Amino acid sequence: MAKTAGRSGKRWAALREQIKATHPACYWCGQAIDYEAKYPADDSFTVDHIKPWSTHPELREDPANLVACHSKCNKVKGATDSLHLSLGNKSEEW
């Protein structure tokens, strides 16, 4: 597999467009994605690998491993298998 496999080339472009065509919500946070926003805006569309490249290179172009997400969620998640979102600061200690 070429070094760039998974993010470039005709197959990647087709997979990306297939995911984008249905305008799904962000896989990681569940909120709507602004499909008109241009990358790298935080709410813009990106394709993410559920199982990261670094640990699962064989899944780089597997459609079952690709999901729509916000640019920000993709960056926060990084090369991990999950996104840990915080609900913010507690209003008071209980």
Protein backbone atom coordinates (compact mmCIF):
# COMPACT_ATOMS: atom_id res chain seq x y z
CA MET A 1 0.00 0.00 0.00
CA ALA A 2 1.35 3.45 -0.86
CA LYS A 3 2.35 5.79 1.94
CA THR A 4 -0.46 8.19 1.04
CA ALA A 5 -3.13 5.50 0.82
CA GLY A 6 -6.08 6.40 3.00
CA ARG A 7 -6.08 10.17 2.40
CA SER A 8 -5.45 10.73 -1.28
CA GLY A 9 -6.13 9.23 -4.65
CA LYS A 10 -9.28 8.33 -6.53
CA ARG A 11 -10.45 5.70 -4.05
CA TRP A 12 -10.13 8.10 -1.10
CA ALA A 13 -11.95 10.87 -3.00
CA ALA A 14 -14.79 8.47 -3.84
CA LEU A 15 -15.08 7.24 -0.24
CA ARG A 16 -15.04 10.82 1.06
CA GLU A 17 -17.77 11.90 -1.36
CA GLN A 18 -19.85 8.83 -0.53
CA ILE A 19 -19.77 9.74 3.17
CA LYS A 20 -20.37 13.45 2.54
CA ALA A 21 -23.36 12.82 0.22
CA THR A 22 -25.63 11.74 3.06
CA HIS A 23 -24.75 14.77 5.25
CA PRO A 24 -24.50 12.77 8.47
CA ALA A 25 -23.99 14.35 11.89
CA CYS A 26 -20.56 14.18 13.50
CA TYR A 27 -19.82 10.61 14.55
CA TRP A 28 -17.95 11.74 17.66
CA CYS A 29 -20.14 14.50 19.17
CA GLY A 30 -23.48 13.89 17.42
CA GLN A 31 -23.90 17.53 16.37
CA ALA A 32 -24.65 18.76 12.85
CA ILE A 33 -21.71 19.40 10.54
CA ASP A 34 -21.59 22.62 8.50
CA TYR A 35 -21.09 21.15 5.03
CA GLU A 36 -20.66 24.65 3.59
CA ALA A 37 -17.78 25.54 5.94
CA LYS A 38 -14.31 25.31 4.47
CA TYR A 39 -11.61 23.19 6.09
CA PRO A 40 -9.95 23.82 8.57
CA ALA A 41 -12.90 25.63 10.21
CA ASP A 42 -13.79 23.83 13.46
CA ASP A 43 -17.29 22.88 12.26
CA SER A 44 -16.24 21.85 8.74
CA PHE A 45 -16.55 18.31 7.37
CA THR A 46 -13.71 15.82 7.58
CA VAL A 47 -13.50 12.06 7.31
CA ASP A 48 -12.02 10.28 10.30
CA HIS A 49 -10.80 6.76 10.89
CA ILE A 50 -12.56 5.12 13.85
CA LYS A 51 -9.54 2.89 14.36
CA PRO A 52 -6.48 5.10 13.77
CA TRP A 53 -3.91 4.56 11.04
CA SER A 54 -1.10 4.22 13.52
CA THR A 55 -2.57 1.08 15.08
CA HIS A 56 -4.70 -0.28 12.22
CA PRO A 57 -2.99 0.49 8.88
CA GLU A 58 -4.94 -2.29 7.18
CA LEU A 59 -8.18 -0.30 7.74
CA ARG A 60 -7.05 2.93 6.06
CA GLU A 61 -9.53 2.66 3.19
CA ASP A 62 -12.09 0.35 4.77
CA PRO A 63 -15.49 2.08 4.45
CA ALA A 64 -16.61 0.53 7.76
CA ASN A 65 -13.76 2.39 9.50
CA LEU A 66 -14.55 5.82 8.02
CA VAL A 67 -16.94 8.35 9.52
CA ALA A 68 -17.96 11.97 9.04
CA CYS A 69 -16.88 14.34 11.75
CA HIS A 70 -16.08 17.96 12.53
CA SER A 71 -12.57 19.15 11.87
CA LYS A 72 -12.29 20.08 15.56
CA CYS A 73 -13.48 16.66 16.78
CA ASN A 74 -11.01 14.99 14.42
CA LYS A 75 -8.15 17.10 15.80
CA VAL A 76 -9.16 16.56 19.44
CA LYS A 77 -9.50 12.81 18.95
CA GLY A 78 -6.11 12.53 17.27
CA ALA A 79 -4.69 9.02 16.89
CA THR A 80 -6.91 7.35 19.48
CA ASP A 81 -9.91 5.03 19.29
CA SER A 82 -12.29 7.42 21.04
CA LEU A 83 -13.09 11.05 21.74
CA HIS A 84 -13.36 12.05 25.36
CA LEU A 85 -15.51 15.15 25.51
CA SER A 86 -15.85 17.08 28.71
CA LEU A 87 -19.16 18.47 29.88
CA GLY A 88 -17.34 21.49 31.30
CA ASN A 89 -16.73 22.68 34.82
CA LYS A 90 -18.94 21.61 37.72
CA SER A 91 -21.17 24.35 39.07
CA GLU A 92 -20.37 23.20 42.60
CA GLU A 93 -18.87 20.30 44.51
CA TRP A 94 -21.41 17.77 45.80
